[in-house]
């Protein structure tokens, strides 16, 4: 009786392993194409991610991309300045290559002009620029010395002051 029990348990365990195996091996699909914007210009640096396989790729400078996926998988496309896009590979897709050209929509917001000033308002700016500034005493002293030299040279006989004579 024990021998019959062991054989029955052994057969149950073996059959459970058989039913646990997949019926169909995984089929991979090479998804490739060109990514462009609304003006048909190539979009470089687009991130492409396969959800099931958890693999990613980046489009080339010319907008060309290629990624491995599988039937029934969702492929996401994302780029800065563009709306997100995704495509689903059909479950019944039997070919090994899938050509999907993508056209991304621009996703930007126009904002009003911004003026950056070191003053709170334009009135404060005008007031600060047009107000008279106190002069540095050192610079005032230098200007007085230059003026006295100019007067001394002008008072000498036969001396002419010009740009050439300095």
N, C-alpha and C. Protein backbone atom coordinates (compact mmCIF):
# COMPACT_ATOMS: atom_id res chain seq x y z
N UNK A 1 0.82 -1.19 0.00
CA UNK A 1 0.00 0.00 0.00
C UNK A 1 0.86 1.25 0.00
N UNK A 2 1.94 1.24 0.77
CA UNK A 2 2.83 2.40 0.81
C UNK A 2 3.44 2.66 -0.56
N UNK A 3 3.79 1.57 -1.22
CA UNK A 3 4.40 1.71 -2.53
C UNK A 3 3.42 2.37 -3.52
N UNK A 4 2.15 2.00 -3.50
CA UNK A 4 1.13 2.56 -4.35
C UNK A 4 0.95 4.06 -4.04
N UNK A 5 0.98 4.46 -2.78
CA UNK A 5 0.85 5.85 -2.35
C UNK A 5 2.02 6.69 -2.87
N UNK A 6 3.23 6.14 -2.76
CA UNK A 6 4.41 6.87 -3.25
C UNK A 6 4.36 7.06 -4.77
N UNK A 7 3.92 6.07 -5.48
CA UNK A 7 3.84 6.17 -6.95
C UNK A 7 2.78 7.20 -7.33
N UNK A 8 1.66 7.23 -6.65
CA UNK A 8 0.60 8.19 -6.94
C UNK A 8 1.07 9.63 -6.68
N UNK A 9 1.77 9.83 -5.58
CA UNK A 9 2.29 11.18 -5.28
C UNK A 9 3.32 11.59 -6.32
N UNK A 10 4.17 10.64 -6.71
CA UNK A 10 5.20 10.92 -7.72
C UNK A 10 4.56 11.33 -9.04
N UNK A 11 3.51 10.63 -9.46
CA UNK A 11 2.83 10.96 -10.71
C UNK A 11 2.13 12.32 -10.63
N UNK A 12 1.55 12.64 -9.50
CA UNK A 12 0.90 13.94 -9.33
C UNK A 12 1.92 15.08 -9.42
N UNK A 13 3.06 14.90 -8.80
CA UNK A 13 4.10 15.93 -8.83
C UNK A 13 4.62 16.11 -10.25
N UNK A 14 4.86 15.02 -10.97
CA UNK A 14 5.36 15.10 -12.34
C UNK A 14 4.36 15.78 -13.26
N UNK A 15 3.10 15.48 -13.13
CA UNK A 15 2.09 16.10 -14.00
C UNK A 15 1.91 17.58 -13.67
N UNK A 16 2.09 17.97 -12.40
CA UNK A 16 1.97 19.39 -12.08
C UNK A 16 3.10 20.19 -12.73
N UNK A 17 4.29 19.60 -12.85
CA UNK A 17 5.39 20.28 -13.53
C UNK A 17 5.11 20.40 -15.02
N UNK A 18 4.49 19.40 -15.60
CA UNK A 18 4.19 19.43 -17.02
C UNK A 18 3.18 20.53 -17.32
N UNK A 19 2.14 20.66 -16.50
CA UNK A 19 1.13 21.69 -16.72
C UNK A 19 1.67 23.08 -16.41
N UNK A 20 2.71 23.19 -15.62
CA UNK A 20 3.28 24.49 -15.28
C UNK A 20 4.14 25.08 -16.38
N UNK A 21 4.51 24.28 -17.38
CA UNK A 21 5.35 24.77 -18.48
C UNK A 21 4.49 25.56 -19.47
N UNK A 22 5.14 26.51 -20.16
CA UNK A 22 4.43 27.30 -21.16
C UNK A 22 4.17 26.44 -22.39
N UNK A 23 3.02 26.66 -23.00
CA UNK A 23 2.68 25.92 -24.20
C UNK A 23 3.48 26.43 -25.39
N UNK A 24 3.69 27.73 -25.44
CA UNK A 24 4.30 28.34 -26.61
C UNK A 24 5.54 29.12 -26.18
N UNK A 25 6.65 28.96 -26.86
CA UNK A 25 7.83 29.74 -26.50
C UNK A 25 7.63 31.22 -26.81
N UNK A 26 8.38 32.06 -26.14
CA UNK A 26 8.26 33.50 -26.37
C UNK A 26 8.68 33.82 -27.80
N UNK A 27 7.89 34.65 -28.44
CA UNK A 27 8.23 35.12 -29.77
C UNK A 27 8.62 36.58 -29.67
N UNK A 28 9.77 36.91 -30.22
CA UNK A 28 10.25 38.29 -30.17
C UNK A 28 10.03 38.96 -31.51
N UNK A 29 9.79 40.26 -31.46
CA UNK A 29 9.54 41.07 -32.65
C UNK A 29 10.51 42.24 -32.62
N UNK A 30 11.14 42.53 -33.75
CA UNK A 30 12.02 43.69 -33.86
C UNK A 30 11.17 44.86 -34.33
N UNK A 31 10.95 45.85 -33.44
CA UNK A 31 10.15 47.03 -33.77
C UNK A 31 11.14 48.14 -34.14
N UNK A 32 10.94 48.73 -35.32
CA UNK A 32 11.84 49.79 -35.77
C UNK A 32 11.06 50.79 -36.61
N UNK A 33 11.67 51.95 -36.84
CA UNK A 33 11.02 52.98 -37.64
C UNK A 33 11.73 54.31 -37.48
N UNK A 34 11.04 55.37 -37.88
CA UNK A 34 11.57 56.73 -37.81
C UNK A 34 10.61 57.56 -36.98
N UNK A 35 11.18 58.38 -36.09
CA UNK A 35 10.37 59.27 -35.25
C UNK A 35 10.55 60.69 -35.78
N UNK A 36 9.43 61.34 -36.12
CA UNK A 36 9.46 62.71 -36.63
C UNK A 36 8.51 63.58 -35.83
N UNK A 37 8.64 64.90 -36.02
CA UNK A 37 7.70 65.82 -35.39
C UNK A 37 6.62 66.19 -36.40
N UNK A 38 5.80 67.17 -36.07
CA UNK A 38 4.68 67.54 -36.93
C UNK A 38 5.12 68.13 -38.27
N UNK A 39 6.36 68.65 -38.31
CA UNK A 39 6.89 69.23 -39.55
C UNK A 39 7.77 68.23 -40.31
N UNK A 40 7.66 66.96 -40.00
CA UNK A 40 8.43 65.87 -40.63
C UNK A 40 9.94 66.02 -40.46
N UNK A 41 10.36 66.63 -39.37
CA UNK A 41 11.78 66.69 -39.03
C UNK A 41 12.08 65.55 -38.06
N UNK A 42 13.23 64.88 -38.21
CA UNK A 42 13.56 63.77 -37.29
C UNK A 42 13.74 64.28 -35.87
N UNK A 43 13.34 63.47 -34.90
CA UNK A 43 13.46 63.82 -33.49
C UNK A 43 14.52 62.92 -32.86
N UNK A 44 15.68 63.48 -32.49
CA UNK A 44 16.71 62.65 -31.86
C UNK A 44 16.48 62.54 -30.35
N UNK A 45 17.03 61.51 -29.75
CA UNK A 45 17.01 61.37 -28.30
C UNK A 45 15.68 60.98 -27.69
N UNK A 46 14.80 60.37 -28.47
CA UNK A 46 13.52 59.90 -27.94
C UNK A 46 13.75 58.59 -27.19
N UNK A 47 13.21 58.49 -25.99
CA UNK A 47 13.34 57.27 -25.19
C UNK A 47 12.22 56.31 -25.57
N UNK A 48 12.60 55.07 -25.89
CA UNK A 48 11.63 54.04 -26.27
C UNK A 48 11.74 52.92 -25.25
N UNK A 49 10.62 52.50 -24.66
CA UNK A 49 10.62 51.47 -23.61
C UNK A 49 9.59 50.40 -23.94
N UNK A 50 10.01 49.14 -23.85
CA UNK A 50 9.11 48.00 -24.01
C UNK A 50 8.62 47.59 -22.62
N UNK A 51 7.31 47.57 -22.42
CA UNK A 51 6.75 47.33 -21.08
C UNK A 51 6.96 45.90 -20.60
N UNK A 52 6.67 44.89 -21.43
CA UNK A 52 6.78 43.49 -20.99
C UNK A 52 8.22 43.06 -20.79
N UNK A 53 9.08 43.40 -21.73
CA UNK A 53 10.46 42.95 -21.66
C UNK A 53 11.30 43.85 -20.75
N UNK A 54 10.80 45.06 -20.50
CA UNK A 54 11.50 46.04 -19.66
C UNK A 54 12.87 46.39 -20.25
N UNK A 55 12.87 46.68 -21.54
CA UNK A 55 14.08 47.12 -22.22
C UNK A 55 13.82 48.50 -22.80
N UNK A 56 14.90 49.22 -22.99
CA UNK A 56 14.78 50.56 -23.54
C UNK A 56 15.77 50.82 -24.64
N UNK A 57 15.52 51.88 -25.39
CA UNK A 57 16.41 52.32 -26.46
C UNK A 57 16.22 53.82 -26.62
N UNK A 58 17.14 54.43 -27.38
CA UNK A 58 17.07 55.86 -27.66
C UNK A 58 17.21 56.05 -29.16
N UNK A 59 16.40 56.94 -29.71
CA UNK A 59 16.47 57.17 -31.16
C UNK A 59 17.75 57.91 -31.52
N UNK A 60 18.22 57.65 -32.73
CA UNK A 60 19.46 58.26 -33.22
C UNK A 60 19.22 59.72 -33.61
N UNK A 61 20.29 60.35 -34.05
CA UNK A 61 20.23 61.75 -34.47
C UNK A 61 19.28 61.93 -35.65
N UNK A 62 19.16 60.89 -36.47
CA UNK A 62 18.28 60.95 -37.64
C UNK A 62 16.85 60.51 -37.33
N UNK A 63 16.54 60.21 -36.07
CA UNK A 63 15.20 59.80 -35.67
C UNK A 63 14.93 58.32 -35.81
N UNK A 64 15.91 57.55 -36.28
CA UNK A 64 15.73 56.10 -36.47
C UNK A 64 15.86 55.40 -35.12
N UNK A 65 14.99 54.42 -34.88
CA UNK A 65 15.04 53.64 -33.64
C UNK A 65 14.83 52.17 -33.95
N UNK A 66 15.21 51.32 -33.00
CA UNK A 66 14.98 49.89 -33.10
C UNK A 66 14.98 49.31 -31.70
N UNK A 67 14.00 48.46 -31.41
CA UNK A 67 13.88 47.86 -30.08
C UNK A 67 13.27 46.47 -30.22
N UNK A 68 13.67 45.57 -29.35
CA UNK A 68 13.09 44.22 -29.33
C UNK A 68 11.87 44.23 -28.42
N UNK A 69 10.80 43.60 -28.90
CA UNK A 69 9.56 43.53 -28.13
C UNK A 69 8.93 42.17 -28.39
N UNK A 70 7.67 42.02 -28.03
CA UNK A 70 6.95 40.77 -28.28
C UNK A 70 5.48 41.07 -28.54
N UNK A 71 4.75 40.17 -29.19
CA UNK A 71 3.34 40.40 -29.47
C UNK A 71 2.56 40.64 -28.17
N UNK A 72 1.65 41.60 -28.24
CA UNK A 72 0.84 41.96 -27.07
C UNK A 72 1.52 42.97 -26.16
N UNK A 73 2.72 43.41 -26.50
CA UNK A 73 3.47 44.34 -25.66
C UNK A 73 3.11 45.78 -26.01
N UNK A 74 3.27 46.66 -25.04
CA UNK A 74 3.08 48.09 -25.23
C UNK A 74 4.44 48.75 -25.30
N UNK A 75 4.66 49.56 -26.32
CA UNK A 75 5.92 50.27 -26.50
C UNK A 75 5.65 51.76 -26.29
N UNK A 76 6.39 52.37 -25.35
CA UNK A 76 6.21 53.77 -25.01
C UNK A 76 7.30 54.63 -25.65
N UNK A 77 6.91 55.83 -26.11
CA UNK A 77 7.83 56.80 -26.70
C UNK A 77 7.71 58.08 -25.90
N UNK A 78 8.86 58.62 -25.49
CA UNK A 78 8.84 59.84 -24.67
C UNK A 78 10.03 60.72 -25.05
N UNK A 79 9.76 62.02 -25.25
CA UNK A 79 10.81 63.00 -25.56
C UNK A 79 10.44 64.33 -24.92
N UNK A 80 11.45 65.06 -24.51
CA UNK A 80 11.23 66.36 -23.88
C UNK A 80 10.69 67.34 -24.92
N UNK A 81 9.63 68.03 -24.57
CA UNK A 81 9.01 68.99 -25.47
C UNK A 81 7.95 68.39 -26.37
N UNK A 82 7.69 67.09 -26.23
CA UNK A 82 6.69 66.41 -27.05
C UNK A 82 5.74 65.63 -26.15
N UNK A 83 4.52 65.42 -26.65
CA UNK A 83 3.56 64.60 -25.91
C UNK A 83 3.99 63.14 -25.94
N UNK A 84 3.64 62.41 -24.90
CA UNK A 84 3.96 60.98 -24.83
C UNK A 84 3.12 60.22 -25.85
N UNK A 85 3.69 59.10 -26.31
CA UNK A 85 3.00 58.29 -27.31
C UNK A 85 3.25 56.82 -26.98
N UNK A 86 2.27 55.98 -27.26
CA UNK A 86 2.47 54.54 -27.08
C UNK A 86 1.75 53.79 -28.18
N UNK A 87 2.27 52.60 -28.47
CA UNK A 87 1.65 51.74 -29.46
C UNK A 87 1.65 50.32 -28.92
N UNK A 88 0.66 49.55 -29.32
CA UNK A 88 0.52 48.16 -28.86
C UNK A 88 0.72 47.23 -30.05
N UNK A 89 1.60 46.26 -29.87
CA UNK A 89 1.82 45.25 -30.91
C UNK A 89 0.70 44.22 -30.77
N UNK A 90 -0.03 43.91 -31.84
CA UNK A 90 -1.16 42.98 -31.72
C UNK A 90 -0.72 41.59 -31.26
N UNK A 91 -1.59 40.92 -30.52
CA UNK A 91 -1.31 39.56 -30.01
C UNK A 91 -1.11 38.57 -31.15
N UNK A 92 -1.83 38.76 -32.24
CA UNK A 92 -1.76 37.81 -33.34
C UNK A 92 -0.71 38.19 -34.39
N UNK A 93 0.22 39.08 -34.05
CA UNK A 93 1.28 39.49 -34.98
C UNK A 93 2.27 38.33 -35.14
N UNK A 94 2.46 37.86 -36.39
CA UNK A 94 3.29 36.67 -36.61
C UNK A 94 4.65 36.97 -37.22
N UNK A 95 4.83 38.13 -37.81
CA UNK A 95 6.11 38.44 -38.47
C UNK A 95 7.19 38.69 -37.42
N UNK A 96 8.45 38.72 -37.88
CA UNK A 96 9.57 38.94 -36.97
C UNK A 96 9.96 40.41 -36.90
N UNK A 97 9.57 41.20 -37.90
CA UNK A 97 9.88 42.63 -37.93
C UNK A 97 8.60 43.44 -38.02
N UNK A 98 8.60 44.55 -37.32
CA UNK A 98 7.44 45.43 -37.32
C UNK A 98 7.93 46.86 -37.56
N UNK A 99 7.47 47.51 -38.61
CA UNK A 99 7.89 48.87 -38.93
C UNK A 99 6.82 49.83 -38.44
N UNK A 100 7.16 50.68 -37.46
CA UNK A 100 6.21 51.63 -36.90
C UNK A 100 6.87 53.01 -36.95
N UNK A 101 6.38 53.87 -37.86
CA UNK A 101 6.85 55.24 -37.93
C UNK A 101 5.98 56.09 -37.01
N UNK A 102 6.63 56.93 -36.21
CA UNK A 102 5.95 57.70 -35.18
C UNK A 102 6.02 59.18 -35.50
N UNK A 103 4.91 59.89 -35.32
CA UNK A 103 4.88 61.35 -35.46
C UNK A 103 4.48 61.91 -34.10
N UNK A 104 5.41 62.59 -33.43
CA UNK A 104 5.17 63.15 -32.11
C UNK A 104 4.59 64.56 -32.22
N UNK A 105 3.66 64.87 -31.31
CA UNK A 105 3.06 66.20 -31.26
C UNK A 105 3.83 67.06 -30.27
N UNK A 106 4.03 68.33 -30.64
CA UNK A 106 4.75 69.26 -29.76
C UNK A 106 3.88 69.55 -28.55
N UNK A 107 4.52 69.59 -27.38
CA UNK A 107 3.80 69.83 -26.12
C UNK A 107 4.50 70.97 -25.38
N UNK A 108 4.33 72.18 -25.88
CA UNK A 108 4.93 73.34 -25.23
C UNK A 108 3.87 74.38 -24.95
N UNK A 109 4.17 75.24 -24.01
CA UNK A 109 3.24 76.30 -23.62
C UNK A 109 3.94 77.63 -23.84
N UNK A 110 3.31 78.53 -24.58
CA UNK A 110 3.86 79.87 -24.78
C UNK A 110 3.57 80.72 -23.55
N UNK A 111 4.59 81.39 -23.06
CA UNK A 111 4.39 82.28 -21.91
C UNK A 111 4.66 83.70 -22.35
N UNK A 112 4.16 84.65 -21.57
CA UNK A 112 4.34 86.06 -21.89
C UNK A 112 5.79 86.46 -21.66
N UNK A 113 6.17 87.59 -22.27
CA UNK A 113 7.53 88.09 -22.13
C UNK A 113 7.83 88.42 -20.67
N UNK A 114 9.04 88.10 -20.26
CA UNK A 114 9.46 88.35 -18.88
C UNK A 114 10.66 89.30 -18.91
N UNK A 115 10.55 90.40 -18.16
CA UNK A 115 11.67 91.33 -18.04
C UNK A 115 12.26 91.17 -16.65
N UNK A 116 13.56 90.95 -16.61
CA UNK A 116 14.23 90.78 -15.33
C UNK A 116 15.09 92.01 -15.08
N UNK A 117 14.77 92.73 -14.03
CA UNK A 117 15.49 93.94 -13.65
C UNK A 117 15.95 93.82 -12.20
N UNK A 118 17.05 94.51 -11.85
CA UNK A 118 17.47 94.49 -10.45
C UNK A 118 16.64 95.43 -9.57
N UNK A 119 15.64 96.10 -10.15
CA UNK A 119 14.75 96.98 -9.40
C UNK A 119 13.35 96.39 -9.41
N UNK A 120 12.55 96.75 -8.44
CA UNK A 120 11.19 96.19 -8.35
C UNK A 120 10.30 96.67 -9.48
N UNK A 121 10.40 97.96 -9.82
CA UNK A 121 9.56 98.51 -10.89
C UNK A 121 10.41 99.30 -11.86
N UNK A 122 9.83 99.62 -13.00
CA UNK A 122 10.52 100.42 -14.01
C UNK A 122 10.73 101.84 -13.50
N UNK A 123 9.78 102.36 -12.70
CA UNK A 123 9.91 103.70 -12.12
C UNK A 123 11.11 103.80 -11.19
N UNK A 124 11.34 102.77 -10.37
CA UNK A 124 12.51 102.76 -9.49
C UNK A 124 13.80 102.74 -10.30
N UNK A 125 13.78 102.02 -11.43
CA UNK A 125 14.95 101.97 -12.31
C UNK A 125 15.27 103.36 -12.85
N UNK A 126 14.28 104.07 -13.38
CA UNK A 126 14.48 105.41 -13.93
C UNK A 126 14.95 106.37 -12.84
N UNK A 127 14.36 106.29 -11.68
CA UNK A 127 14.75 107.17 -10.57
C UNK A 127 16.21 106.94 -10.17
N UNK A 128 16.61 105.69 -10.13
CA UNK A 128 17.98 105.36 -9.72
C UNK A 128 18.99 105.79 -10.79
N UNK A 129 18.65 105.63 -12.05
CA UNK A 129 19.58 105.99 -13.13
C UNK A 129 19.72 107.51 -13.24
N UNK A 130 18.62 108.25 -13.07
CA UNK A 130 18.67 109.70 -13.27
C UNK A 130 19.12 110.46 -12.03
N UNK A 131 19.16 109.84 -10.89
CA UNK A 131 19.59 110.57 -9.68
C UNK A 131 21.10 110.79 -9.69
N UNK A 132 21.51 111.92 -9.08
CA UNK A 132 22.93 112.25 -9.03
C UNK A 132 23.60 111.44 -7.94
N UNK A 133 24.72 110.88 -8.29
CA UNK A 133 25.45 110.02 -7.35
C UNK A 133 26.54 110.84 -6.65
N UNK A 134 26.78 110.60 -5.38
CA UNK A 134 27.91 111.27 -4.71
C UNK A 134 29.22 110.74 -5.27
N UNK A 135 30.18 111.65 -5.45
CA UNK A 135 31.44 111.26 -6.05
C UNK A 135 32.42 110.84 -4.96
N UNK A 136 33.31 109.96 -5.35
CA UNK A 136 34.35 109.46 -4.46
C UNK A 136 35.36 110.58 -4.18
N UNK A 137 35.74 110.86 -2.93
CA UNK A 137 36.68 111.95 -2.63
C UNK A 137 38.05 111.75 -3.29
N UNK A 138 38.48 110.54 -3.46
CA UNK A 138 39.76 110.28 -4.09
C UNK A 138 39.74 110.70 -5.56
N UNK A 139 38.64 110.39 -6.25
CA UNK A 139 38.51 110.78 -7.66
C UNK A 139 38.38 112.29 -7.78
N UNK A 140 37.67 112.93 -6.86
CA UNK A 140 37.54 114.40 -6.86
C UNK A 140 38.92 115.04 -6.71
N UNK A 141 39.74 114.52 -5.82
CA UNK A 141 41.08 115.04 -5.60
C UNK A 141 41.93 114.89 -6.87
N UNK A 142 41.84 113.74 -7.54
CA UNK A 142 42.59 113.53 -8.78
C UNK A 142 42.15 114.50 -9.86
N UNK A 143 40.86 114.74 -9.99
CA UNK A 143 40.34 115.68 -10.99
C UNK A 143 40.83 117.10 -10.70
N UNK A 144 40.87 117.50 -9.44
CA UNK A 144 41.38 118.84 -9.08
C UNK A 144 42.86 118.97 -9.43
N UNK A 145 43.64 117.92 -9.18
CA UNK A 145 45.07 117.95 -9.52
C UNK A 145 45.27 118.09 -11.03
N UNK A 146 44.53 117.37 -11.80
CA UNK A 146 44.64 117.45 -13.26
C UNK A 146 44.25 118.84 -13.74
N UNK A 147 43.20 119.41 -13.13
CA UNK A 147 42.77 120.77 -13.51
C UNK A 147 43.84 121.80 -13.17
N UNK A 148 44.51 121.66 -12.02
CA UNK A 148 45.56 122.62 -11.65
C UNK A 148 46.76 122.49 -12.57
N UNK A 149 47.11 121.29 -13.01
CA UNK A 149 48.20 121.11 -13.97
C UNK A 149 47.81 121.74 -15.30
N UNK A 150 46.60 121.57 -15.72
CA UNK A 150 46.12 122.17 -16.97
C UNK A 150 46.22 123.69 -16.90
N UNK A 151 45.82 124.30 -15.78
CA UNK A 151 45.90 125.76 -15.62
C UNK A 151 47.36 126.21 -15.61
N UNK A 152 48.23 125.46 -14.93
CA UNK A 152 49.65 125.83 -14.87
C UNK A 152 50.28 125.81 -16.26
N UNK A 153 49.96 124.83 -17.04
CA UNK A 153 50.52 124.74 -18.39
C UNK A 153 49.96 125.86 -19.25
N UNK A 154 48.67 126.17 -19.10
CA UNK A 154 48.04 127.22 -19.89
C UNK A 154 48.63 128.59 -19.55
N UNK A 155 49.09 128.81 -18.32
CA UNK A 155 49.64 130.10 -17.90
C UNK A 155 51.08 130.29 -18.35
N UNK A 156 51.77 129.28 -18.74
CA UNK A 156 53.14 129.42 -19.22
C UNK A 156 53.13 130.14 -20.57
N UNK A 157 54.19 130.87 -20.83
CA UNK A 157 54.26 131.60 -22.10
C UNK A 157 54.55 130.65 -23.24
N UNK A 158 53.99 130.90 -24.40
CA UNK A 158 54.14 130.15 -25.63
C UNK A 158 53.72 128.68 -25.49
N UNK A 159 52.90 128.35 -24.60
CA UNK A 159 52.44 126.98 -24.45
C UNK A 159 51.04 126.87 -25.05
N UNK A 160 50.87 125.92 -25.89
CA UNK A 160 49.56 125.68 -26.46
C UNK A 160 49.11 124.27 -26.06
N UNK A 161 47.91 124.22 -25.60
CA UNK A 161 47.39 122.92 -25.17
C UNK A 161 46.54 122.35 -26.31
N UNK A 162 46.92 121.17 -26.72
CA UNK A 162 46.17 120.47 -27.76
C UNK A 162 46.24 118.97 -27.48
N UNK A 163 45.50 118.25 -28.27
CA UNK A 163 45.53 116.81 -28.12
C UNK A 163 46.89 116.22 -28.44
N UNK A 164 47.61 116.82 -29.36
CA UNK A 164 48.92 116.32 -29.76
C UNK A 164 49.97 116.57 -28.70
N UNK A 165 49.86 117.72 -28.02
CA UNK A 165 50.88 118.05 -27.00
C UNK A 165 50.60 117.37 -25.67
N UNK A 166 49.41 116.88 -25.50
CA UNK A 166 49.07 116.15 -24.29
C UNK A 166 48.69 117.08 -23.20
